[in-house]
Amino acid sequence: MANETTFDISAVFSNLVETAGKIGQQQVDLLTNGFKSLTTAVEPLGKAALELPGNVVNTVTQTFQNVTTAIVPKK
């Protein structure tokens, strides 16, 4: 009787629940890290897209002022 192996169902169930919890946590971590990476990649593009129209307007305004200054006679 000393060499009999016992089957501990509570330990098996505990290990199963622990493993499922770890897999679930890894899924959440994967999604969180993916979202952070996507945000980090998109942020500079969004910033540039917002700054571009302002830069174009400034360039056009400066060009218009330079052309006006060249055309209008000086006093």
Protein backbone atom coordinates (compact mmCIF):
# COMPACT_ATOMS: atom_id res chain seq x y z
CA MET A 1 0.00 0.00 0.00
CA ALA A 2 2.92 2.36 0.52
CA ASN A 3 3.72 2.45 -3.21
CA GLU A 4 0.19 3.39 -4.31
CA THR A 5 -0.15 6.67 -6.14
CA THR A 6 -3.00 8.87 -5.15
CA PHE A 7 -4.95 10.94 -7.61
CA ASP A 8 -5.54 14.35 -6.08
CA ILE A 9 -8.42 15.84 -8.03
CA SER A 10 -8.23 19.15 -6.17
CA ALA A 11 -4.59 19.65 -7.23
CA VAL A 12 -5.46 18.85 -10.84
CA PHE A 13 -8.39 21.27 -10.78
CA SER A 14 -6.26 23.92 -9.09
CA ASN A 15 -3.52 23.57 -11.72
CA LEU A 16 -6.10 23.70 -14.51
CA VAL A 17 -7.65 26.90 -13.15
CA GLU A 18 -4.22 28.44 -12.62
CA THR A 19 -3.17 27.61 -16.19
CA ALA A 20 -6.40 29.01 -17.62
CA GLY A 21 -5.88 32.18 -15.60
CA LYS A 22 -2.35 32.58 -16.91
CA ILE A 23 -3.53 32.11 -20.50
CA GLY A 24 -6.27 34.67 -19.98
CA GLN A 25 -3.82 37.16 -18.48
CA GLN A 26 -1.44 36.66 -21.40
CA GLN A 27 -4.29 37.43 -23.81
CA VAL A 28 -5.05 40.66 -21.95
CA ASP A 29 -1.35 41.60 -21.85
CA LEU A 30 -1.04 40.91 -25.58
CA LEU A 31 -3.99 43.14 -26.42
CA THR A 32 -2.78 45.88 -24.08
CA ASN A 33 0.73 45.87 -25.53
CA GLY A 34 -0.64 45.81 -29.07
CA PHE A 35 -2.84 48.82 -28.35
CA LYS A 36 0.07 50.70 -26.77
CA SER A 37 2.28 49.96 -29.78
CA LEU A 38 -0.41 51.07 -32.20
CA THR A 39 -0.97 54.29 -30.27
CA THR A 40 2.77 54.98 -30.18
CA ALA A 41 3.01 54.47 -33.95
CA VAL A 42 -0.08 56.51 -34.88
CA GLU A 43 0.51 59.47 -32.55
CA PRO A 44 3.31 61.12 -34.60
CA LEU A 45 1.35 60.61 -37.82
CA GLY A 46 -1.70 62.30 -36.34
CA LYS A 47 0.40 65.17 -35.05
CA ALA A 48 1.99 65.67 -38.46
CA ALA A 49 -1.39 65.51 -40.18
CA LEU A 50 -2.69 68.26 -37.91
CA GLU A 51 0.38 70.47 -38.35
CA LEU A 52 0.54 70.12 -42.14
CA PRO A 53 -2.44 72.38 -43.03
CA GLY A 54 -1.12 75.10 -40.72
CA ASN A 55 2.29 74.93 -42.34
CA VAL A 56 0.76 75.11 -45.82
CA VAL A 57 -1.27 78.19 -44.86
CA ASN A 58 1.82 79.87 -43.39
CA THR A 59 3.83 79.13 -46.52
CA VAL A 60 1.11 80.49 -48.81
CA THR A 61 0.76 83.61 -46.64
CA GLN A 62 4.50 84.28 -46.67
CA THR A 63 4.66 83.74 -50.42
CA PHE A 64 1.76 86.12 -50.95
CA GLN A 65 3.44 88.75 -48.76
CA ASN A 66 6.72 88.39 -50.66
CA VAL A 67 4.98 88.72 -54.02
CA THR A 68 3.01 91.74 -52.80
CA THR A 69 6.16 93.36 -51.48
CA ALA A 70 7.91 92.82 -54.82
CA ILE A 71 5.01 94.24 -56.85
CA VAL A 72 3.92 97.23 -54.78
CA PRO A 73 6.14 100.25 -55.35
CA LYS A 74 8.08 101.53 -52.39
CA LYS A 75 7.57 105.12 -51.23
